[in-house]
Amino acid sequence: MYKVKVYVTLRESVLDPQGVAVKDALHTMNYAEVADVRIGKYLELQLEDVANVDERVKEMCEKLLANTVIEDYRFDVEEVVPS
């Protein structure tokens, strides 16, 4: 079994209005040291044993989990040993 952590973020070239709103709110709360905020998604997947885990997760990301036109993604795969 595998545990996969997927991180999806907007590309640097894409405006992030949610991030701007959070940064502005932090500034009004006297957190002036915050220079930038980018909002993203975090997903955890548990996969049964499958060949080519990296290839399968990449396929999932490109078909559903990330909009590859405006988002980048990365993932970490961890093999889970049953206890």
PDB file of N, CA and C in Angstrom:
ATOM      1  N   MET A   1       0.850  -1.172   0.000  1.00  0.00           N
ATOM      2  CA  MET A   1       0.000   0.000   0.000  1.00  0.00           C
ATOM      3  C   MET A   1       0.901   1.243   0.000  1.00  0.00           C
ATOM      4  N   TYR A   2       0.416   2.300  -0.619  1.00  0.00           N
ATOM      5  CA  TYR A   2       1.175   3.541  -0.723  1.00  0.00           C
ATOM      6  C   TYR A   2       0.363   4.718  -0.195  1.00  0.00           C
ATOM      7  N   LYS A   3       1.063   5.634   0.442  1.00  0.00           N
ATOM      8  CA  LYS A   3       0.461   6.906   0.843  1.00  0.00           C
ATOM      9  C   LYS A   3       1.103   7.970  -0.034  1.00  0.00           C
ATOM     10  N   VAL A   4       0.262   8.724  -0.733  1.00  0.00           N
ATOM     11  CA  VAL A   4       0.758   9.744  -1.661  1.00  0.00           C
ATOM     12  C   VAL A   4       0.276  11.114  -1.199  1.00  0.00           C
ATOM     13  N   LYS A   5       1.208  12.046  -1.072  1.00  0.00           N
ATOM     14  CA  LYS A   5       0.877  13.422  -0.716  1.00  0.00           C
ATOM     15  C   LYS A   5       1.034  14.265  -1.972  1.00  0.00           C
ATOM     16  N   VAL A   6      -0.055  14.919  -2.375  1.00  0.00           N
ATOM     17  CA  VAL A   6      -0.066  15.716  -3.602  1.00  0.00           C
ATOM     18  C   VAL A   6      -0.216  17.188  -3.227  1.00  0.00           C
ATOM     19  N   TYR A   7       0.646  18.020  -3.778  1.00  0.00           N
ATOM     20  CA  TYR A   7       0.613  19.462  -3.553  1.00  0.00           C
ATOM     21  C   TYR A   7       0.327  20.152  -4.881  1.00  0.00           C
ATOM     22  N   VAL A   8      -0.742  20.952  -4.924  1.00  0.00           N
ATOM     23  CA  VAL A   8      -1.134  21.660  -6.139  1.00  0.00           C
ATOM     24  C   VAL A   8      -1.100  23.155  -5.844  1.00  0.00           C
ATOM     25  N   THR A   9      -0.383  23.917  -6.667  1.00  0.00           N
ATOM     26  CA  THR A   9      -0.283  25.362  -6.482  1.00  0.00           C
ATOM     27  C   THR A   9      -0.472  26.068  -7.815  1.00  0.00           C
ATOM     28  N   LEU A  10      -0.929  27.311  -7.730  1.00  0.00           N
ATOM     29  CA  LEU A  10      -1.029  28.118  -8.944  1.00  0.00           C
ATOM     30  C   LEU A  10       0.369  28.393  -9.482  1.00  0.00           C
ATOM     31  N   ARG A  11       0.489  28.449 -10.776  1.00  0.00           N
ATOM     32  CA  ARG A  11       1.776  28.807 -11.386  1.00  0.00           C
ATOM     33  C   ARG A  11       2.143  30.227 -10.986  1.00  0.00           C
ATOM     34  N   GLU A  12       3.416  30.497 -10.932  1.00  0.00           N
ATOM     35  CA  GLU A  12       3.890  31.830 -10.535  1.00  0.00           C
ATOM     36  C   GLU A  12       3.332  32.925 -11.433  1.00  0.00           C
ATOM     37  N   SER A  13       3.092  32.616 -12.695  1.00  0.00           N
ATOM     38  CA  SER A  13       2.616  33.620 -13.646  1.00  0.00           C
ATOM     39  C   SER A  13       1.123  33.906 -13.513  1.00  0.00           C
ATOM     40  N   VAL A  14       0.413  33.139 -12.655  1.00  0.00           N
ATOM     41  CA  VAL A  14      -1.034  33.292 -12.504  1.00  0.00           C
ATOM     42  C   VAL A  14      -1.328  34.115 -11.255  1.00  0.00           C
ATOM     43  N   LEU A  15      -2.158  35.131 -11.408  1.00  0.00           N
ATOM     44  CA  LEU A  15      -2.567  35.962 -10.281  1.00  0.00           C
ATOM     45  C   LEU A  15      -3.335  35.108  -9.271  1.00  0.00           C
ATOM     46  N   ASP A  16      -3.048  35.316  -7.988  1.00  0.00           N
ATOM     47  CA  ASP A  16      -3.703  34.567  -6.921  1.00  0.00           C
ATOM     48  C   ASP A  16      -4.503  35.529  -6.041  1.00  0.00           C
ATOM     49  N   PRO A  17      -5.755  35.832  -6.416  1.00  0.00           N
ATOM     50  CA  PRO A  17      -6.537  36.808  -5.650  1.00  0.00           C
ATOM     51  C   PRO A  17      -6.803  36.363  -4.210  1.00  0.00           C
ATOM     52  N   GLN A  18      -6.946  35.070  -3.967  1.00  0.00           N
ATOM     53  CA  GLN A  18      -7.121  34.594  -2.589  1.00  0.00           C
ATOM     54  C   GLN A  18      -5.866  34.865  -1.774  1.00  0.00           C
ATOM     55  N   GLY A  19      -4.728  34.620  -2.355  1.00  0.00           N
ATOM     56  CA  GLY A  19      -3.461  34.877  -1.671  1.00  0.00           C
ATOM     57  C   GLY A  19      -3.296  36.347  -1.342  1.00  0.00           C
ATOM     58  N   VAL A  20      -3.663  37.208  -2.282  1.00  0.00           N
ATOM     59  CA  VAL A  20      -3.581  38.653  -2.054  1.00  0.00           C
ATOM     60  C   VAL A  20      -4.509  39.060  -0.908  1.00  0.00           C
ATOM     61  N   ALA A  21      -5.718  38.509  -0.882  1.00  0.00           N
ATOM     62  CA  ALA A  21      -6.673  38.834   0.182  1.00  0.00           C
ATOM     63  C   ALA A  21      -6.143  38.394   1.546  1.00  0.00           C
ATOM     64  N   VAL A  22      -5.549  37.204   1.608  1.00  0.00           N
ATOM     65  CA  VAL A  22      -4.995  36.722   2.877  1.00  0.00           C
ATOM     66  C   VAL A  22      -3.814  37.583   3.305  1.00  0.00           C
ATOM     67  N   LYS A  23      -2.954  37.938   2.355  1.00  0.00           N
ATOM     68  CA  LYS A  23      -1.807  38.797   2.682  1.00  0.00           C
ATOM     69  C   LYS A  23      -2.286  40.142   3.219  1.00  0.00           C
ATOM     70  N   ASP A  24      -3.270  40.732   2.568  1.00  0.00           N
ATOM     71  CA  ASP A  24      -3.806  42.017   3.025  1.00  0.00           C
ATOM     72  C   ASP A  24      -4.410  41.898   4.417  1.00  0.00           C
ATOM     73  N   ALA A  25      -5.127  40.810   4.670  1.00  0.00           N
ATOM     74  CA  ALA A  25      -5.716  40.604   5.996  1.00  0.00           C
ATOM     75  C   ALA A  25      -4.626  40.459   7.054  1.00  0.00           C
ATOM     76  N   LEU A  26      -3.574  39.730   6.738  1.00  0.00           N
ATOM     77  CA  LEU A  26      -2.467  39.586   7.681  1.00  0.00           C
ATOM     78  C   LEU A  26      -1.804  40.929   7.962  1.00  0.00           C
ATOM     79  N   HIS A  27      -1.671  41.745   6.933  1.00  0.00           N
ATOM     80  CA  HIS A  27      -1.081  43.079   7.130  1.00  0.00           C
ATOM     81  C   HIS A  27      -1.952  43.926   8.059  1.00  0.00           C
ATOM     82  N   THR A  28      -3.279  43.840   7.903  1.00  0.00           N
ATOM     83  CA  THR A  28      -4.159  44.621   8.781  1.00  0.00           C
ATOM     84  C   THR A  28      -4.121  44.096  10.211  1.00  0.00           C
ATOM     85  N   MET A  29      -3.664  42.865  10.396  1.00  0.00           N
ATOM     86  CA  MET A  29      -3.528  42.289  11.739  1.00  0.00           C
ATOM     87  C   MET A  29      -2.116  42.492  12.283  1.00  0.00           C
ATOM     88  N   ASN A  30      -1.354  43.402  11.664  1.00  0.00           N
ATOM     89  CA  ASN A  30       0.005  43.760  12.089  1.00  0.00           C
ATOM     90  C   ASN A  30       1.044  42.658  11.853  1.00  0.00           C
ATOM     91  N   TYR A  31       0.852  41.873  10.808  1.00  0.00           N
ATOM     92  CA  TYR A  31       1.867  40.913  10.378  1.00  0.00           C
ATOM     93  C   TYR A  31       2.513  41.440   9.100  1.00  0.00           C
ATOM     94  N   ALA A  32       3.170  42.573   9.234  1.00  0.00           N
ATOM     95  CA  ALA A  32       3.741  43.271   8.082  1.00  0.00           C
ATOM     96  C   ALA A  32       4.898  42.503   7.441  1.00  0.00           C
ATOM     97  N   GLU A  33       5.468  41.540   8.154  1.00  0.00           N
ATOM     98  CA  GLU A  33       6.602  40.786   7.607  1.00  0.00           C
ATOM     99  C   GLU A  33       6.195  39.811   6.505  1.00  0.00           C
ATOM    100  N   VAL A  34       4.894  39.585   6.322  1.00  0.00           N
ATOM    101  CA  VAL A  34       4.427  38.668   5.271  1.00  0.00           C
ATOM    102  C   VAL A  34       4.567  39.368   3.922  1.00  0.00           C
ATOM    103  N   ALA A  35       5.444  38.836   3.078  1.00  0.00           N
ATOM    104  CA  ALA A  35       5.717  39.453   1.780  1.00  0.00           C
ATOM    105  C   ALA A  35       4.783  38.931   0.688  1.00  0.00           C
ATOM    106  N   ASP A  36       4.383  37.666   0.772  1.00  0.00           N
ATOM    107  CA  ASP A  36       3.541  37.094  -0.267  1.00  0.00           C
ATOM    108  C   ASP A  36       2.825  35.868   0.282  1.00  0.00           C
ATOM    109  N   VAL A  37       1.648  35.587  -0.251  1.00  0.00           N
ATOM    110  CA  VAL A  37       0.883  34.397   0.116  1.00  0.00           C
ATOM    111  C   VAL A  37       0.368  33.775  -1.174  1.00  0.00           C
ATOM    112  N   ARG A  38       0.551  32.466  -1.288  1.00  0.00           N
ATOM    113  CA  ARG A  38       0.005  31.716  -2.409  1.00  0.00           C
ATOM    114  C   ARG A  38      -0.875  30.617  -1.825  1.00  0.00           C
ATOM    115  N   ILE A  39      -2.081  30.487  -2.344  1.00  0.00           N
ATOM    116  CA  ILE A  39      -3.026  29.485  -1.869  1.00  0.00           C
ATOM    117  C   ILE A  39      -2.943  28.267  -2.776  1.00  0.00           C
ATOM    118  N   GLY A  40      -3.000  27.079  -2.190  1.00  0.00           N
ATOM    119  CA  GLY A  40      -2.942  25.853  -2.970  1.00  0.00           C
ATOM    120  C   GLY A  40      -3.822  24.774  -2.374  1.00  0.00           C
ATOM    121  N   LYS A  41      -3.640  23.560  -2.870  1.00  0.00           N
ATOM    122  CA  LYS A  41      -4.396  22.403  -2.401  1.00  0.00           C
ATOM    123  C   LYS A  41      -3.421  21.320  -1.952  1.00  0.00           C
ATOM    124  N   TYR A  42      -3.841  20.592  -0.931  1.00  0.00           N
ATOM    125  CA  TYR A  42      -3.074  19.450  -0.440  1.00  0.00           C
ATOM    126  C   TYR A  42      -4.004  18.247  -0.420  1.00  0.00           C
ATOM    127  N   LEU A  43      -3.576  17.147  -1.001  1.00  0.00           N
ATOM    128  CA  LEU A  43      -4.392  15.933  -1.036  1.00  0.00           C
ATOM    129  C   LEU A  43      -3.558  14.757  -0.551  1.00  0.00           C
ATOM    130  N   GLU A  44      -4.194  13.845   0.162  1.00  0.00           N
ATOM    131  CA  GLU A  44      -3.556  12.585   0.551  1.00  0.00           C
ATOM    132  C   GLU A  44      -4.327  11.444  -0.099  1.00  0.00           C
ATOM    133  N   LEU A  45      -3.613  10.588  -0.784  1.00  0.00           N
ATOM    134  CA  LEU A  45      -4.213   9.424  -1.431  1.00  0.00           C
ATOM    135  C   LEU A  45      -3.622   8.162  -0.818  1.00  0.00           C
ATOM    136  N   GLN A  46      -4.432   7.166  -0.617  1.00  0.00           N
ATOM    137  CA  GLN A  46      -3.943   5.849  -0.236  1.00  0.00           C
ATOM    138  C   GLN A  46      -4.225   4.918  -1.398  1.00  0.00           C
ATOM    139  N   LEU A  47      -3.179   4.321  -1.914  1.00  0.00           N
ATOM    140  CA  LEU A  47      -3.303   3.453  -3.078  1.00  0.00           C
ATOM    141  C   LEU A  47      -2.980   2.020  -2.707  1.00  0.00           C
ATOM    142  N   GLU A  48      -3.748   1.122  -3.263  1.00  0.00           N
ATOM    143  CA  GLU A  48      -3.427  -0.293  -3.134  1.00  0.00           C
ATOM    144  C   GLU A  48      -2.150  -0.542  -3.922  1.00  0.00           C
ATOM    145  N   ASP A  49      -1.564  -1.690  -3.706  1.00  0.00           N
ATOM    146  CA  ASP A  49      -0.350  -2.026  -4.446  1.00  0.00           C
ATOM    147  C   ASP A  49      -0.626  -1.969  -5.941  1.00  0.00           C
ATOM    148  N   VAL A  50       0.186  -1.202  -6.624  1.00  0.00           N
ATOM    149  CA  VAL A  50       0.019  -1.023  -8.053  1.00  0.00           C
ATOM    150  C   VAL A  50       1.402  -0.830  -8.673  1.00  0.00           C
ATOM    151  N   ALA A  51       1.579  -1.367  -9.861  1.00  0.00           N
ATOM    152  CA  ALA A  51       2.843  -1.155 -10.564  1.00  0.00           C
ATOM    153  C   ALA A  51       2.889   0.282 -11.072  1.00  0.00           C
ATOM    154  N   ASN A  52       4.054   0.851 -11.164  1.00  0.00           N
ATOM    155  CA  ASN A  52       4.244   2.198 -11.701  1.00  0.00           C
ATOM    156  C   ASN A  52       3.447   3.255 -10.930  1.00  0.00           C
ATOM    157  N   VAL A  53       3.642   3.319  -9.621  1.00  0.00           N
ATOM    158  CA  VAL A  53       2.908   4.258  -8.774  1.00  0.00           C
ATOM    159  C   VAL A  53       3.102   5.688  -9.258  1.00  0.00           C
ATOM    160  N   ASP A  54       4.333   6.084  -9.512  1.00  0.00           N
ATOM    161  CA  ASP A  54       4.603   7.458  -9.955  1.00  0.00           C
ATOM    162  C   ASP A  54       3.841   7.793 -11.235  1.00  0.00           C
ATOM    163  N   GLU A  55       3.863   6.876 -12.168  1.00  0.00           N
ATOM    164  CA  GLU A  55       3.172   7.102 -13.445  1.00  0.00           C
ATOM    165  C   GLU A  55       1.656   7.231 -13.241  1.00  0.00           C
ATOM    166  N   ARG A  56       1.088   6.395 -12.388  1.00  0.00           N
ATOM    167  CA  ARG A  56      -0.358   6.435 -12.124  1.00  0.00           C
ATOM    168  C   ARG A  56      -0.760   7.733 -11.434  1.00  0.00           C
ATOM    169  N   VAL A  57       0.036   8.174 -10.461  1.00  0.00           N
ATOM    170  CA  VAL A  57      -0.290   9.412  -9.746  1.00  0.00           C
ATOM    171  C   VAL A  57      -0.143  10.614 -10.687  1.00  0.00           C
ATOM    172  N   LYS A  58       0.892  10.604 -11.516  1.00  0.00           N
ATOM    173  CA  LYS A  58       1.057  11.680 -12.493  1.00  0.00           C
ATOM    174  C   LYS A  58      -0.162  11.754 -13.404  1.00  0.00           C
ATOM    175  N   GLU A  59      -0.637  10.617 -13.834  1.00  0.00           N
ATOM    176  CA  GLU A  59      -1.821  10.553 -14.691  1.00  0.00           C
ATOM    177  C   GLU A  59      -3.049  11.125 -13.966  1.00  0.00           C
ATOM    178  N   MET A  60      -3.219  10.763 -12.692  1.00  0.00           N
ATOM    179  CA  MET A  60      -4.343  11.289 -11.901  1.00  0.00           C
ATOM    180  C   MET A  60      -4.269  12.812 -11.781  1.00  0.00           C
ATOM    181  N   CYS A  61      -3.073  13.312 -11.527  1.00  0.00           N
ATOM    182  CA  CYS A  61      -2.884  14.759 -11.391  1.00  0.00           C
ATOM    183  C   CYS A  61      -3.218  15.483 -12.678  1.00  0.00           C
ATOM    184  N   GLU A  62      -2.738  14.964 -13.784  1.00  0.00           N
ATOM    185  CA  GLU A  62      -2.932  15.641 -15.060  1.00  0.00           C
ATOM    186  C   GLU A  62      -4.357  15.525 -15.585  1.00  0.00           C
ATOM    187  N   LYS A  63      -5.069  14.464 -15.200  1.00  0.00           N
ATOM    188  CA  LYS A  63      -6.437  14.295 -15.681  1.00  0.00           C
ATOM    189  C   LYS A  63      -7.484  14.922 -14.772  1.00  0.00           C
ATOM    190  N   LEU A  64      -7.209  15.006 -13.451  1.00  0.00           N
ATOM    191  CA  LEU A  64      -8.249  15.462 -12.541  1.00  0.00           C
ATOM    192  C   LEU A  64      -7.775  16.382 -11.424  1.00  0.00           C
ATOM    193  N   LEU A  65      -6.712  16.033 -10.749  1.00  0.00           N
ATOM    194  CA  LEU A  65      -6.356  16.718  -9.503  1.00  0.00           C
ATOM    195  C   LEU A  65      -5.794  18.115  -9.705  1.00  0.00           C
ATOM    196  N   ALA A  66      -5.191  18.392 -10.848  1.00  0.00           N
ATOM    197  CA  ALA A  66      -4.616  19.710 -11.121  1.00  0.00           C
ATOM    198  C   ALA A  66      -5.049  20.187 -12.500  1.00  0.00           C
ATOM    199  N   ASN A  67      -5.300  21.476 -12.595  1.00  0.00           N
ATOM    200  CA  ASN A  67      -5.550  22.097 -13.896  1.00  0.00           C
ATOM    201  C   ASN A  67      -4.184  22.542 -14.413  1.00  0.00           C
ATOM    202  N   THR A  68      -3.591  21.729 -15.260  1.00  0.00           N
ATOM    203  CA  THR A  68      -2.198  21.956 -15.654  1.00  0.00           C
ATOM    204  C   THR A  68      -1.988  23.202 -16.510  1.00  0.00           C
ATOM    205  N   VAL A  69      -3.055  23.854 -16.919  1.00  0.00           N
ATOM    206  CA  VAL A  69      -2.914  25.111 -17.651  1.00  0.00           C
ATOM    207  C   VAL A  69      -2.479  26.223 -16.693  1.00  0.00           C
ATOM    208  N   ILE A  70      -3.025  26.205 -15.471  1.00  0.00           N
ATOM    209  CA  ILE A  70      -2.731  27.282 -14.518  1.00  0.00           C
ATOM    210  C   ILE A  70      -2.109  26.793 -13.207  1.00  0.00           C
ATOM    211  N   GLU A  71      -1.982  25.473 -13.039  1.00  0.00           N
ATOM    212  CA  GLU A  71      -1.459  24.951 -11.780  1.00  0.00           C
ATOM    213  C   GLU A  71      -0.269  24.031 -12.011  1.00  0.00           C
ATOM    214  N   ASP A  72       0.631  24.035 -11.030  1.00  0.00           N
ATOM    215  CA  ASP A  72       1.726  23.075 -10.975  1.00  0.00           C
ATOM    216  C   ASP A  72       1.402  22.075  -9.880  1.00  0.00           C
ATOM    217  N   TYR A  73       2.009  20.906  -9.956  1.00  0.00           N
ATOM    218  CA  TYR A  73       1.809  19.919  -8.908  1.00  0.00           C
ATOM    219  C   TYR A  73       3.115  19.182  -8.663  1.00  0.00           C
ATOM    220  N   ARG A  74       3.191  18.630  -7.470  1.00  0.00           N
ATOM    221  CA  ARG A  74       4.274  17.710  -7.131  1.00  0.00           C
ATOM    222  C   ARG A  74       3.691  16.715  -6.144  1.00  0.00           C
ATOM    223  N   PHE A  75       4.343  15.583  -6.001  1.00  0.00           N
ATOM    224  CA  PHE A  75       3.841  14.580  -5.075  1.00  0.00           C
ATOM    225  C   PHE A  75       4.984  13.774  -4.480  1.00  0.00           C
ATOM    226  N   ASP A  76       4.717  13.253  -3.282  1.00  0.00           N
ATOM    227  CA  ASP A  76       5.647  12.382  -2.586  1.00  0.00           C
ATOM    228  C   ASP A  76       4.949  11.043  -2.365  1.00  0.00           C
ATOM    229  N   VAL A  77       5.655   9.976  -2.642  1.00  0.00           N
ATOM    230  CA  VAL A  77       5.100   8.624  -2.464  1.00  0.00           C
ATOM    231  C   VAL A  77       5.830   7.956  -1.309  1.00  0.00           C
ATOM    232  N   GLU A  78       5.045   7.389  -0.396  1.00  0.00           N
ATOM    233  CA  GLU A  78       5.601   6.686   0.751  1.00  0.00           C
ATOM    234  C   GLU A  78       4.989   5.288   0.782  1.00  0.00           C
ATOM    235  N   GLU A  79       5.829   4.288   0.859  1.00  0.00           N
ATOM    236  CA  GLU A  79       5.317   2.920   0.957  1.00  0.00           C
ATOM    237  C   GLU A  79       4.937   2.647   2.402  1.00  0.00           C
ATOM    238  N   VAL A  80       3.715   2.178   2.597  1.00  0.00           N
ATOM    239  CA  VAL A  80       3.194   1.915   3.939  1.00  0.00           C
ATOM    240  C   VAL A  80       3.307   0.421   4.193  1.00  0.00           C
ATOM    241  N   VAL A  81       3.990   0.081   5.274  1.00  0.00           N
ATOM    242  CA  VAL A  81       4.140  -1.312   5.647  1.00  0.00           C
ATOM    243  C   VAL A  81       3.062  -1.663   6.668  1.00  0.00           C
ATOM    244  N   PRO A  82       2.229  -2.655   6.370  1.00  0.00           N
ATOM    245  CA  PRO A  82       1.183  -3.033   7.326  1.00  0.00           C
ATOM    246  C   PRO A  82       1.782  -3.464   8.665  1.00  0.00           C
ATOM    247  N   SER A  83       1.113  -3.068   9.733  1.00  0.00           N
ATOM    248  CA  SER A  83       1.651  -3.427  11.055  1.00  0.00           C
ATOM    249  C   SER A  83       1.070  -4.706  11.599  1.00  0.00           C
TER     250      SER A  83
END
